[in-house]
Every structure is written in C-alpha cells, then in structure tokens.
Amino acid sequence: MARILRGEIRWADLNPVRGHEQAGLRPVLILSHDIFNERSGTVIAMALTSQPQRAGFPLTFELKTGKLPKRSWVKISQIRTLSVDRIGKKIGRATPEELVQIIEGLNEIIGT
C-alpha cells in the first residue's frame, strides 16, 4: 500500500461500530503524522459525511477541497484510531489551512 499521509482523505471501512459512531465504508481525514502512520500500523482519523450538518464548528467543519465528489463535512467529534488495514484508496486532500482549523476545533472540544 502507498504511504498514508497526514491531510489525505481516504476511504475507510469503519465497521463494526457501536452507538452513534459513523459506520460503513466512508471517507476519513487522516490527522496523524506520516511517521506515526508508517511505524504504528494505525492512523488517527476523523469521519466525513456528505449530509448537511446542523451542528456547526467546532463539532463539524465543511471542507472546500474541490476534488471531493460531494460536498463534505468533517465530523470533528468522530475521531478514531484505525488499523491501516481499514484504509483504502486516496480520494482527496485537505488544505494545510483546513487542517489547522480542524485541529483547532478538536482542541476546543477536548479543552486544551
């Protein structure tokens, strides 16, 4: 498999899930650094959705990346550690500015 890089948007199999977790085969935004992804066998990622979101920032963030097939929101509250075995094909990339805003949203949620 090609290297999994921070900021990439890739397909991931999120099943099995529990409760309100995002399920199924869906895009995720890779947050963890490249070296972590390469050496740990896991990635830290956030689920994306194409459903318009009532909850605004910091719970969700709309990506303006033009290469995605649909209008998409990062579900900042849906952060997960996933095995690289769950990660599939690259479908896009967040801009560095988008990544900074998403990390700021996460910091607001977790209280740093």
PDB file of N, CA and C in Angstrom:
ATOM      1  N   MET A   1       0.838  -1.183   0.000  1.00  0.00           N
ATOM      2  CA  MET A   1       0.000   0.000   0.000  1.00  0.00           C
ATOM      3  C   MET A   1       0.885   1.249   0.000  1.00  0.00           C
ATOM      4  N   ALA A   2       0.416   2.277  -0.673  1.00  0.00           N
ATOM      5  CA  ALA A   2       1.143   3.550  -0.689  1.00  0.00           C
ATOM      6  C   ALA A   2       1.135   4.159   0.706  1.00  0.00           C
ATOM      7  N   ARG A   3       2.100   5.003   0.968  1.00  0.00           N
ATOM      8  CA  ARG A   3       2.165   5.677   2.275  1.00  0.00           C
ATOM      9  C   ARG A   3       0.870   6.429   2.540  1.00  0.00           C
ATOM     10  N   ILE A   4       0.447   6.420   3.774  1.00  0.00           N
ATOM     11  CA  ILE A   4      -0.730   7.158   4.207  1.00  0.00           C
ATOM     12  C   ILE A   4      -0.229   8.443   4.842  1.00  0.00           C
ATOM     13  N   LEU A   5      -0.641   9.584   4.270  1.00  0.00           N
ATOM     14  CA  LEU A   5      -0.086  10.862   4.665  1.00  0.00           C
ATOM     15  C   LEU A   5      -1.105  11.743   5.381  1.00  0.00           C
ATOM     16  N   ARG A   6      -0.599  12.546   6.303  1.00  0.00           N
ATOM     17  CA  ARG A   6      -1.444  13.489   7.031  1.00  0.00           C
ATOM     18  C   ARG A   6      -2.136  14.442   6.049  1.00  0.00           C
ATOM     19  N   GLY A   7      -3.433  14.657   6.277  1.00  0.00           N
ATOM     20  CA  GLY A   7      -4.204  15.554   5.424  1.00  0.00           C
ATOM     21  C   GLY A   7      -4.920  14.865   4.280  1.00  0.00           C
ATOM     22  N   GLU A   8      -4.558  13.599   4.019  1.00  0.00           N
ATOM     23  CA  GLU A   8      -5.240  12.871   2.955  1.00  0.00           C
ATOM     24  C   GLU A   8      -6.661  12.516   3.373  1.00  0.00           C
ATOM     25  N   ILE A   9      -7.513  12.439   2.374  1.00  0.00           N
ATOM     26  CA  ILE A   9      -8.868  11.924   2.574  1.00  0.00           C
ATOM     27  C   ILE A   9      -8.902  10.593   1.846  1.00  0.00           C
ATOM     28  N   ARG A  10      -9.225   9.543   2.601  1.00  0.00           N
ATOM     29  CA  ARG A  10      -9.187   8.183   2.066  1.00  0.00           C
ATOM     30  C   ARG A  10     -10.458   7.442   2.456  1.00  0.00           C
ATOM     31  N   TRP A  11     -10.771   6.429   1.664  1.00  0.00           N
ATOM     32  CA  TRP A  11     -11.856   5.526   2.035  1.00  0.00           C
ATOM     33  C   TRP A  11     -11.419   4.682   3.213  1.00  0.00           C
ATOM     34  N   ALA A  12     -12.354   4.395   4.124  1.00  0.00           N
ATOM     35  CA  ALA A  12     -12.055   3.525   5.261  1.00  0.00           C
ATOM     36  C   ALA A  12     -13.289   2.712   5.605  1.00  0.00           C
ATOM     37  N   ASP A  13     -13.063   1.487   6.023  1.00  0.00           N
ATOM     38  CA  ASP A  13     -14.142   0.615   6.493  1.00  0.00           C
ATOM     39  C   ASP A  13     -14.255   0.794   7.994  1.00  0.00           C
ATOM     40  N   LEU A  14     -15.319   1.468   8.440  1.00  0.00           N
ATOM     41  CA  LEU A  14     -15.469   1.773   9.861  1.00  0.00           C
ATOM     42  C   LEU A  14     -16.273   0.723  10.637  1.00  0.00           C
ATOM     43  N   ASN A  15     -16.747  -0.313   9.968  1.00  0.00           N
ATOM     44  CA  ASN A  15     -17.497  -1.359  10.673  1.00  0.00           C
ATOM     45  C   ASN A  15     -16.533  -2.322  11.351  1.00  0.00           C
ATOM     46  N   PRO A  16     -16.877  -2.913  12.473  1.00  0.00           N
ATOM     47  CA  PRO A  16     -18.123  -2.748  13.226  1.00  0.00           C
ATOM     48  C   PRO A  16     -18.088  -1.482  14.084  1.00  0.00           C
ATOM     49  N   VAL A  17     -19.263  -0.980  14.407  1.00  0.00           N
ATOM     50  CA  VAL A  17     -19.390   0.230  15.217  1.00  0.00           C
ATOM     51  C   VAL A  17     -20.372  -0.011  16.358  1.00  0.00           C
ATOM     52  N   ARG A  18     -20.431   0.945  17.251  1.00  0.00           N
ATOM     53  CA  ARG A  18     -21.382   0.927  18.364  1.00  0.00           C
ATOM     54  C   ARG A  18     -22.036   2.294  18.474  1.00  0.00           C
ATOM     55  N   GLY A  19     -23.261   2.330  18.954  1.00  0.00           N
ATOM     56  CA  GLY A  19     -23.936   3.580  19.278  1.00  0.00           C
ATOM     57  C   GLY A  19     -23.983   4.571  18.131  1.00  0.00           C
ATOM     58  N   HIS A  20     -23.516   5.786  18.376  1.00  0.00           N
ATOM     59  CA  HIS A  20     -23.613   6.886  17.423  1.00  0.00           C
ATOM     60  C   HIS A  20     -22.384   7.047  16.536  1.00  0.00           C
ATOM     61  N   GLU A  21     -21.496   6.058  16.538  1.00  0.00           N
ATOM     62  CA  GLU A  21     -20.313   6.141  15.687  1.00  0.00           C
ATOM     63  C   GLU A  21     -20.709   6.100  14.210  1.00  0.00           C
ATOM     64  N   GLN A  22     -19.919   6.747  13.372  1.00  0.00           N
ATOM     65  CA  GLN A  22     -20.124   6.683  11.925  1.00  0.00           C
ATOM     66  C   GLN A  22     -19.799   5.276  11.460  1.00  0.00           C
ATOM     67  N   ALA A  23     -20.619   4.748  10.559  1.00  0.00           N
ATOM     68  CA  ALA A  23     -20.493   3.353  10.142  1.00  0.00           C
ATOM     69  C   ALA A  23     -20.228   3.238   8.651  1.00  0.00           C
ATOM     70  N   GLY A  24     -19.829   2.042   8.256  1.00  0.00           N
ATOM     71  CA  GLY A  24     -19.714   1.690   6.854  1.00  0.00           C
ATOM     72  C   GLY A  24     -18.436   2.141   6.186  1.00  0.00           C
ATOM     73  N   LEU A  25     -18.456   1.999   4.864  1.00  0.00           N
ATOM     74  CA  LEU A  25     -17.333   2.437   4.039  1.00  0.00           C
ATOM     75  C   LEU A  25     -17.548   3.916   3.767  1.00  0.00           C
ATOM     76  N   ARG A  26     -16.652   4.753   4.269  1.00  0.00           N
ATOM     77  CA  ARG A  26     -16.820   6.198   4.122  1.00  0.00           C
ATOM     78  C   ARG A  26     -15.468   6.884   4.111  1.00  0.00           C
ATOM     79  N   PRO A  27     -15.444   8.122   3.641  1.00  0.00           N
ATOM     80  CA  PRO A  27     -14.189   8.865   3.653  1.00  0.00           C
ATOM     81  C   PRO A  27     -13.799   9.270   5.074  1.00  0.00           C
ATOM     82  N   VAL A  28     -12.498   9.291   5.299  1.00  0.00           N
ATOM     83  CA  VAL A  28     -11.948   9.798   6.556  1.00  0.00           C
ATOM     84  C   VAL A  28     -10.795  10.736   6.230  1.00  0.00           C
ATOM     85  N   LEU A  29     -10.580  11.699   7.130  1.00  0.00           N
ATOM     86  CA  LEU A  29      -9.446  12.614   7.031  1.00  0.00           C
ATOM     87  C   LEU A  29      -8.354  12.104   7.961  1.00  0.00           C
ATOM     88  N   ILE A  30      -7.166  11.893   7.425  1.00  0.00           N
ATOM     89  CA  ILE A  30      -6.036  11.400   8.215  1.00  0.00           C
ATOM     90  C   ILE A  30      -5.413  12.576   8.968  1.00  0.00           C
ATOM     91  N   LEU A  31      -5.360  12.469  10.308  1.00  0.00           N
ATOM     92  CA  LEU A  31      -4.813  13.526  11.157  1.00  0.00           C
ATOM     93  C   LEU A  31      -3.405  13.236  11.648  1.00  0.00           C
ATOM     94  N   SER A  32      -3.106  11.972  11.854  1.00  0.00           N
ATOM     95  CA  SER A  32      -1.815  11.617  12.438  1.00  0.00           C
ATOM     96  C   SER A  32      -0.682  11.876  11.448  1.00  0.00           C
ATOM     97  N   HIS A  33       0.495  12.119  12.028  1.00  0.00           N
ATOM     98  CA  HIS A  33       1.679  12.418  11.222  1.00  0.00           C
ATOM     99  C   HIS A  33       2.143  11.192  10.442  1.00  0.00           C
ATOM    100  N   ASP A  34       2.805  11.446   9.337  1.00  0.00           N
ATOM    101  CA  ASP A  34       3.239  10.408   8.407  1.00  0.00           C
ATOM    102  C   ASP A  34       4.068   9.319   9.092  1.00  0.00           C
ATOM    103  N   ILE A  35       5.009   9.712   9.923  1.00  0.00           N
ATOM    104  CA  ILE A  35       5.893   8.738  10.583  1.00  0.00           C
ATOM    105  C   ILE A  35       5.103   7.832  11.523  1.00  0.00           C
ATOM    106  N   PHE A  36       4.107   8.395  12.231  1.00  0.00           N
ATOM    107  CA  PHE A  36       3.224   7.600  13.094  1.00  0.00           C
ATOM    108  C   PHE A  36       2.470   6.580  12.243  1.00  0.00           C
ATOM    109  N   ASN A  37       1.912   7.032  11.131  1.00  0.00           N
ATOM    110  CA  ASN A  37       1.139   6.148  10.253  1.00  0.00           C
ATOM    111  C   ASN A  37       1.998   4.993   9.740  1.00  0.00           C
ATOM    112  N   GLU A  38       3.226   5.309   9.411  1.00  0.00           N
ATOM    113  CA  GLU A  38       4.133   4.314   8.843  1.00  0.00           C
ATOM    114  C   GLU A  38       4.589   3.287   9.870  1.00  0.00           C
ATOM    115  N   ARG A  39       4.883   3.738  11.090  1.00  0.00           N
ATOM    116  CA  ARG A  39       5.505   2.861  12.081  1.00  0.00           C
ATOM    117  C   ARG A  39       4.536   2.163  13.027  1.00  0.00           C
ATOM    118  N   SER A  40       3.348   2.736  13.241  1.00  0.00           N
ATOM    119  CA  SER A  40       2.451   2.185  14.263  1.00  0.00           C
ATOM    120  C   SER A  40       1.485   1.146  13.732  1.00  0.00           C
ATOM    121  N   GLY A  41       1.262   1.129  12.422  1.00  0.00           N
ATOM    122  CA  GLY A  41       0.252   0.229  11.864  1.00  0.00           C
ATOM    123  C   GLY A  41      -1.161   0.755  12.061  1.00  0.00           C
ATOM    124  N   THR A  42      -1.272   1.978  12.583  1.00  0.00           N
ATOM    125  CA  THR A  42      -2.575   2.614  12.771  1.00  0.00           C
ATOM    126  C   THR A  42      -2.504   4.054  12.269  1.00  0.00           C
ATOM    127  N   VAL A  43      -3.683   4.654  12.121  1.00  0.00           N
ATOM    128  CA  VAL A  43      -3.794   6.078  11.809  1.00  0.00           C
ATOM    129  C   VAL A  43      -4.835   6.678  12.735  1.00  0.00           C
ATOM    130  N   ILE A  44      -4.750   7.974  12.966  1.00  0.00           N
ATOM    131  CA  ILE A  44      -5.780   8.702  13.685  1.00  0.00           C
ATOM    132  C   ILE A  44      -6.530   9.500  12.636  1.00  0.00           C
ATOM    133  N   ALA A  45      -7.857   9.312  12.599  1.00  0.00           N
ATOM    134  CA  ALA A  45      -8.652   9.892  11.521  1.00  0.00           C
ATOM    135  C   ALA A  45      -9.996  10.394  12.037  1.00  0.00           C
ATOM    136  N   MET A  46     -10.620  11.251  11.227  1.00  0.00           N
ATOM    137  CA  MET A  46     -11.966  11.755  11.501  1.00  0.00           C
ATOM    138  C   MET A  46     -12.861  11.382  10.333  1.00  0.00           C
ATOM    139  N   ALA A  47     -14.077  10.954  10.656  1.00  0.00           N
ATOM    140  CA  ALA A  47     -15.040  10.577   9.631  1.00  0.00           C
ATOM    141  C   ALA A  47     -15.568  11.811   8.902  1.00  0.00           C
ATOM    142  N   LEU A  48     -15.891  11.625   7.625  1.00  0.00           N
ATOM    143  CA  LEU A  48     -16.544  12.657   6.828  1.00  0.00           C
ATOM    144  C   LEU A  48     -17.974  12.230   6.540  1.00  0.00           C
ATOM    145  N   THR A  49     -18.825  13.215   6.273  1.00  0.00           N
ATOM    146  CA  THR A  49     -20.190  12.954   5.868  1.00  0.00           C
ATOM    147  C   THR A  49     -20.565  13.907   4.748  1.00  0.00           C
ATOM    148  N   SER A  50     -21.488  13.478   3.894  1.00  0.00           N
ATOM    149  CA  SER A  50     -21.998  14.361   2.845  1.00  0.00           C
ATOM    150  C   SER A  50     -23.359  14.926   3.234  1.00  0.00           C
ATOM    151  N   GLN A  51     -23.844  14.556   4.412  1.00  0.00           N
ATOM    152  CA  GLN A  51     -25.125  15.076   4.896  1.00  0.00           C
ATOM    153  C   GLN A  51     -24.915  16.452   5.522  1.00  0.00           C
ATOM    154  N   PRO A  52     -25.686  17.468   5.076  1.00  0.00           N
ATOM    155  CA  PRO A  52     -25.553  18.792   5.697  1.00  0.00           C
ATOM    156  C   PRO A  52     -25.697  18.688   7.211  1.00  0.00           C
ATOM    157  N   GLN A  53     -24.858  19.427   7.916  1.00  0.00           N
ATOM    158  CA  GLN A  53     -24.772  19.313   9.367  1.00  0.00           C
ATOM    159  C   GLN A  53     -25.448  20.494  10.058  1.00  0.00           C
ATOM    160  N   ARG A  54     -26.284  20.183  11.045  1.00  0.00           N
ATOM    161  CA  ARG A  54     -26.907  21.227  11.868  1.00  0.00           C
ATOM    162  C   ARG A  54     -25.901  21.770  12.868  1.00  0.00           C
ATOM    163  N   ALA A  55     -25.091  20.876  13.407  1.00  0.00           N
ATOM    164  CA  ALA A  55     -24.061  21.307  14.365  1.00  0.00           C
ATOM    165  C   ALA A  55     -22.942  21.989  13.589  1.00  0.00           C
ATOM    166  N   GLY A  56     -22.583  23.167  14.019  1.00  0.00           N
ATOM    167  CA  GLY A  56     -21.503  23.897  13.358  1.00  0.00           C
ATOM    168  C   GLY A  56     -20.165  23.627  14.022  1.00  0.00           C
ATOM    169  N   PHE A  57     -19.225  24.504  13.729  1.00  0.00           N
ATOM    170  CA  PHE A  57     -17.896  24.431  14.315  1.00  0.00           C
ATOM    171  C   PHE A  57     -18.012  24.649  15.819  1.00  0.00           C
ATOM    172  N   PRO A  58     -17.360  23.937  16.684  1.00  0.00           N
ATOM    173  CA  PRO A  58     -16.236  23.043  16.429  1.00  0.00           C
ATOM    174  C   PRO A  58     -16.619  21.570  16.221  1.00  0.00           C
ATOM    175  N   LEU A  59     -17.902  21.226  16.204  1.00  0.00           N
ATOM    176  CA  LEU A  59     -18.268  19.820  16.038  1.00  0.00           C
ATOM    177  C   LEU A  59     -18.116  19.329  14.603  1.00  0.00           C
ATOM    178  N   THR A  60     -18.341  20.225  13.655  1.00  0.00           N
ATOM    179  CA  THR A  60     -18.185  19.865  12.246  1.00  0.00           C
ATOM    180  C   THR A  60     -17.466  20.989  11.512  1.00  0.00           C
ATOM    181  N   PHE A  61     -16.907  20.652  10.356  1.00  0.00           N
ATOM    182  CA  PHE A  61     -16.195  21.639   9.540  1.00  0.00           C
ATOM    183  C   PHE A  61     -16.399  21.267   8.077  1.00  0.00           C
ATOM    184  N   GLU A  62     -16.912  22.201   7.287  1.00  0.00           N
ATOM    185  CA  GLU A  62     -17.109  21.925   5.865  1.00  0.00           C
ATOM    186  C   GLU A  62     -15.790  22.074   5.115  1.00  0.00           C
ATOM    187  N   LEU A  63     -15.443  21.038   4.358  1.00  0.00           N
ATOM    188  CA  LEU A  63     -14.248  21.088   3.521  1.00  0.00           C
ATOM    189  C   LEU A  63     -14.597  21.764   2.211  1.00  0.00           C
ATOM    190  N   LYS A  64     -13.728  22.622   1.752  1.00  0.00           N
ATOM    191  CA  LYS A  64     -13.933  23.306   0.469  1.00  0.00           C
ATOM    192  C   LYS A  64     -13.037  22.714  -0.607  1.00  0.00           C
ATOM    193  N   THR A  65     -12.325  21.637  -0.263  1.00  0.00           N
ATOM    194  CA  THR A  65     -11.432  20.968  -1.201  1.00  0.00           C
ATOM    195  C   THR A  65     -12.220  20.576  -2.439  1.00  0.00           C
ATOM    196  N   GLY A  66     -11.814  21.070  -3.580  1.00  0.00           N
ATOM    197  CA  GLY A  66     -12.570  20.878  -4.804  1.00  0.00           C
ATOM    198  C   GLY A  66     -12.542  19.484  -5.388  1.00  0.00           C
ATOM    199  N   LYS A  67     -11.665  18.628  -4.944  1.00  0.00           N
ATOM    200  CA  LYS A  67     -11.508  17.326  -5.586  1.00  0.00           C
ATOM    201  C   LYS A  67     -12.437  16.240  -5.037  1.00  0.00           C
ATOM    202  N   LEU A  68     -13.202  16.550  -3.997  1.00  0.00           N
ATOM    203  CA  LEU A  68     -14.105  15.545  -3.449  1.00  0.00           C
ATOM    204  C   LEU A  68     -15.346  15.428  -4.332  1.00  0.00           C
ATOM    205  N   PRO A  69     -15.890  14.207  -4.470  1.00  0.00           N
ATOM    206  CA  PRO A  69     -17.043  14.017  -5.355  1.00  0.00           C
ATOM    207  C   PRO A  69     -18.335  14.667  -4.840  1.00  0.00           C
ATOM    208  N   LYS A  70     -18.426  14.922  -3.540  1.00  0.00           N
ATOM    209  CA  LYS A  70     -19.619  15.518  -2.942  1.00  0.00           C
ATOM    210  C   LYS A  70     -19.209  16.597  -1.951  1.00  0.00           C
ATOM    211  N   ARG A  71     -20.154  17.491  -1.663  1.00  0.00           N
ATOM    212  CA  ARG A  71     -19.963  18.458  -0.585  1.00  0.00           C
ATOM    213  C   ARG A  71     -19.767  17.651   0.696  1.00  0.00           C
ATOM    214  N   SER A  72     -18.743  17.985   1.494  1.00  0.00           N
ATOM    215  CA  SER A  72     -18.381  17.137   2.631  1.00  0.00           C
ATOM    216  C   SER A  72     -18.066  17.938   3.880  1.00  0.00           C
ATOM    217  N   TRP A  73     -18.425  17.347   5.022  1.00  0.00           N
ATOM    218  CA  TRP A  73     -18.133  17.910   6.331  1.00  0.00           C
ATOM    219  C   TRP A  73     -17.303  16.918   7.123  1.00  0.00           C
ATOM    220  N   VAL A  74     -16.278  17.418   7.809  1.00  0.00           N
ATOM    221  CA  VAL A  74     -15.509  16.600   8.745  1.00  0.00           C
ATOM    222  C   VAL A  74     -16.281  16.588  10.050  1.00  0.00           C
ATOM    223  N   LYS A  75     -16.505  15.409  10.588  1.00  0.00           N
ATOM    224  CA  LYS A  75     -17.160  15.269  11.887  1.00  0.00           C
ATOM    225  C   LYS A  75     -16.059  15.253  12.941  1.00  0.00           C
ATOM    226  N   ILE A  76     -15.706  16.436  13.413  1.00  0.00           N
ATOM    227  CA  ILE A  76     -14.566  16.587  14.313  1.00  0.00           C
ATOM    228  C   ILE A  76     -14.746  15.765  15.579  1.00  0.00           C
ATOM    229  N   SER A  77     -15.976  15.576  16.004  1.00  0.00           N
ATOM    230  CA  SER A  77     -16.230  14.786  17.212  1.00  0.00           C
ATOM    231  C   SER A  77     -16.128  13.282  16.960  1.00  0.00           C
ATOM    232  N   GLN A  78     -15.929  12.869  15.711  1.00  0.00           N
ATOM    233  CA  GLN A  78     -15.833  11.447  15.371  1.00  0.00           C
ATOM    234  C   GLN A  78     -14.386  11.076  15.046  1.00  0.00           C
ATOM    235  N   ILE A  79     -13.530  11.208  16.039  1.00  0.00           N
ATOM    236  CA  ILE A  79     -12.113  10.888  15.869  1.00  0.00           C
ATOM    237  C   ILE A  79     -11.884   9.442  16.290  1.00  0.00           C
ATOM    238  N   ARG A  80     -11.103   8.714  15.479  1.00  0.00           N
ATOM    239  CA  ARG A  80     -10.860   7.293  15.763  1.00  0.00           C
ATOM    240  C   ARG A  80      -9.440   6.903  15.395  1.00  0.00           C
ATOM    241  N   THR A  81      -8.941   5.913  16.108  1.00  0.00           N
ATOM    242  CA  THR A  81      -7.696   5.269  15.729  1.00  0.00           C
ATOM    243  C   THR A  81      -8.083   4.024  14.942  1.00  0.00           C
ATOM    244  N   LEU A  82      -7.540   3.892  13.740  1.00  0.00           N
ATOM    245  CA  LEU A  82      -7.895   2.794  12.845  1.00  0.00           C
ATOM    246  C   LEU A  82      -6.651   2.042  12.404  1.00  0.00           C
ATOM    247  N   SER A  83      -6.767   0.742  12.256  1.00  0.00           N
ATOM    248  CA  SER A  83      -5.700  -0.044  11.665  1.00  0.00           C
ATOM    249  C   SER A  83      -5.509   0.394  10.211  1.00  0.00           C
ATOM    250  N   VAL A  84      -4.275   0.402   9.741  1.00  0.00           N
ATOM    251  CA  VAL A  84      -4.036   0.745   8.340  1.00  0.00           C
ATOM    252  C   VAL A  84      -4.726  -0.258   7.408  1.00  0.00           C
ATOM    253  N   ASP A  85      -5.055  -1.449   7.924  1.00  0.00           N
ATOM    254  CA  ASP A  85      -5.770  -2.451   7.127  1.00  0.00           C
ATOM    255  C   ASP A  85      -7.171  -1.979   6.752  1.00  0.00           C
ATOM    256  N   ARG A  86      -7.720  -1.017   7.493  1.00  0.00           N
ATOM    257  CA  ARG A  86      -9.051  -0.477   7.202  1.00  0.00           C
ATOM    258  C   ARG A  86      -9.013   0.645   6.161  1.00  0.00           C
ATOM    259  N   ILE A  87      -7.826   1.130   5.839  1.00  0.00           N
ATOM    260  CA  ILE A  87      -7.672   2.306   4.994  1.00  0.00           C
ATOM    261  C   ILE A  87      -7.504   1.902   3.536  1.00  0.00           C
ATOM    262  N   GLY A  88      -8.274   2.599   2.675  1.00  0.00           N
ATOM    263  CA  GLY A  88      -8.241   2.300   1.251  1.00  0.00           C
ATOM    264  C   GLY A  88      -7.715   3.449   0.416  1.00  0.00           C
ATOM    265  N   LYS A  89      -8.268   3.562  -0.772  1.00  0.00           N
ATOM    266  CA  LYS A  89      -7.812   4.490  -1.806  1.00  0.00           C
ATOM    267  C   LYS A  89      -7.950   5.956  -1.390  1.00  0.00           C
ATOM    268  N   LYS A  90      -6.962   6.740  -1.817  1.00  0.00           N
ATOM    269  CA  LYS A  90      -6.986   8.189  -1.600  1.00  0.00           C
ATOM    270  C   LYS A  90      -8.007   8.809  -2.539  1.00  0.00           C
ATOM    271  N   ILE A  91      -8.829   9.743  -1.974  1.00  0.00           N
ATOM    272  CA  ILE A  91      -9.826  10.418  -2.809  1.00  0.00           C
ATOM    273  C   ILE A  91      -9.685  11.936  -2.779  1.00  0.00           C
ATOM    274  N   GLY A  92      -8.775  12.442  -1.978  1.00  0.00           N
ATOM    275  CA  GLY A  92      -8.604  13.887  -1.914  1.00  0.00           C
ATOM    276  C   GLY A  92      -7.597  14.270  -0.856  1.00  0.00           C
ATOM    277  N   ARG A  93      -7.535  15.584  -0.617  1.00  0.00           N
ATOM    278  CA  ARG A  93      -6.594  16.092   0.381  1.00  0.00           C
ATOM    279  C   ARG A  93      -7.141  17.402   0.924  1.00  0.00           C
ATOM    280  N   ALA A  94      -7.071  17.563   2.241  1.00  0.00           N
ATOM    281  CA  ALA A  94      -7.431  18.834   2.872  1.00  0.00           C
ATOM    282  C   ALA A  94      -6.270  19.795   2.691  1.00  0.00           C
ATOM    283  N   THR A  95      -6.586  21.080   2.631  1.00  0.00           N
ATOM    284  CA  THR A  95      -5.523  22.077   2.543  1.00  0.00           C
ATOM    285  C   THR A  95      -4.868  22.219   3.911  1.00  0.00           C
ATOM    286  N   PRO A  96      -3.637  22.726   3.954  1.00  0.00           N
ATOM    287  CA  PRO A  96      -2.999  22.959   5.256  1.00  0.00           C
ATOM    288  C   PRO A  96      -3.832  23.882   6.152  1.00  0.00           C
ATOM    289  N   GLU A  97      -4.486  24.885   5.549  1.00  0.00           N
ATOM    290  CA  GLU A  97      -5.323  25.805   6.324  1.00  0.00           C
ATOM    291  C   GLU A  97      -6.542  25.087   6.913  1.00  0.00           C
ATOM    292  N   GLU A  98      -7.148  24.200   6.140  1.00  0.00           N
ATOM    293  CA  GLU A  98      -8.286  23.423   6.646  1.00  0.00           C
ATOM    294  C   GLU A  98      -7.846  22.536   7.801  1.00  0.00           C
ATOM    295  N   LEU A  99      -6.691  21.898   7.660  1.00  0.00           N
ATOM    296  CA  LEU A  99      -6.172  21.027   8.709  1.00  0.00           C
ATOM    297  C   LEU A  99      -5.954  21.802  10.003  1.00  0.00           C
ATOM    298  N   VAL A 100      -5.417  23.011   9.915  1.00  0.00           N
ATOM    299  CA  VAL A 100      -5.207  23.848  11.101  1.00  0.00           C
ATOM    300  C   VAL A 100      -6.541  24.145  11.775  1.00  0.00           C
ATOM    301  N   GLN A 101      -7.563  24.494  11.001  1.00  0.00           N
ATOM    302  CA  GLN A 101      -8.867  24.809  11.583  1.00  0.00           C
ATOM    303  C   GLN A 101      -9.506  23.577  12.234  1.00  0.00           C
ATOM    304  N   ILE A 102      -9.354  22.434  11.622  1.00  0.00           N
ATOM    305  CA  ILE A 102      -9.914  21.198  12.174  1.00  0.00           C
ATOM    306  C   ILE A 102      -9.237  20.853  13.498  1.00  0.00           C
ATOM    307  N   ILE A 103      -7.924  20.988  13.563  1.00  0.00           N
ATOM    308  CA  ILE A 103      -7.195  20.745  14.817  1.00  0.00           C
ATOM    309  C   ILE A 103      -7.632  21.746  15.885  1.00  0.00           C
ATOM    310  N   GLU A 104      -7.861  23.001  15.503  1.00  0.00           N
ATOM    311  CA  GLU A 104      -8.358  23.988  16.457  1.00  0.00           C
ATOM    312  C   GLU A 104      -9.735  23.591  16.991  1.00  0.00           C
ATOM    313  N   GLY A 105     -10.597  23.077  16.118  1.00  0.00           N
ATOM    314  CA  GLY A 105     -11.905  22.593  16.548  1.00  0.00           C
ATOM    315  C   GLY A 105     -11.787  21.451  17.537  1.00  0.00           C
ATOM    316  N   LEU A 106     -10.883  20.516  17.269  1.00  0.00           N
ATOM    317  CA  LEU A 106     -10.652  19.404  18.191  1.00  0.00           C
ATOM    318  C   LEU A 106     -10.160  19.924  19.537  1.00  0.00           C
ATOM    319  N   ASN A 107      -9.253  20.883  19.510  1.00  0.00           N
ATOM    320  CA  ASN A 107      -8.750  21.472  20.756  1.00  0.00           C
ATOM    321  C   ASN A 107      -9.878  22.112  21.559  1.00  0.00           C
ATOM    322  N   GLU A 108     -10.830  22.758  20.891  1.00  0.00           N
ATOM    323  CA  GLU A 108     -11.977  23.334  21.593  1.00  0.00           C
ATOM    324  C   GLU A 108     -12.812  22.238  22.262  1.00  0.00           C
ATOM    325  N   ILE A 109     -13.018  21.142  21.566  1.00  0.00           N
ATOM    326  CA  ILE A 109     -13.836  20.051  22.100  1.00  0.00           C
ATOM    327  C   ILE A 109     -13.174  19.398  23.307  1.00  0.00           C
ATOM    328  N   ILE A 110     -11.859  19.154  23.225  1.00  0.00           N
ATOM    329  CA  ILE A 110     -11.198  18.440  24.313  1.00  0.00           C
ATOM    330  C   ILE A 110     -10.647  19.365  25.392  1.00  0.00           C
ATOM    331  N   GLY A 111     -10.740  20.682  25.147  1.00  0.00           N
ATOM    332  CA  GLY A 111     -10.411  21.640  26.209  1.00  0.00           C
ATOM    333  C   GLY A 111      -8.949  21.917  26.430  1.00  0.00           C
ATOM    334  N   THR A 112      -8.177  22.060  25.342  1.00  0.00           N
ATOM    335  CA  THR A 112      -6.764  22.412  25.529  1.00  0.00           C
ATOM    336  C   THR A 112      -6.565  23.897  25.483  1.00  0.00           C
TER     337      THR A 112
END
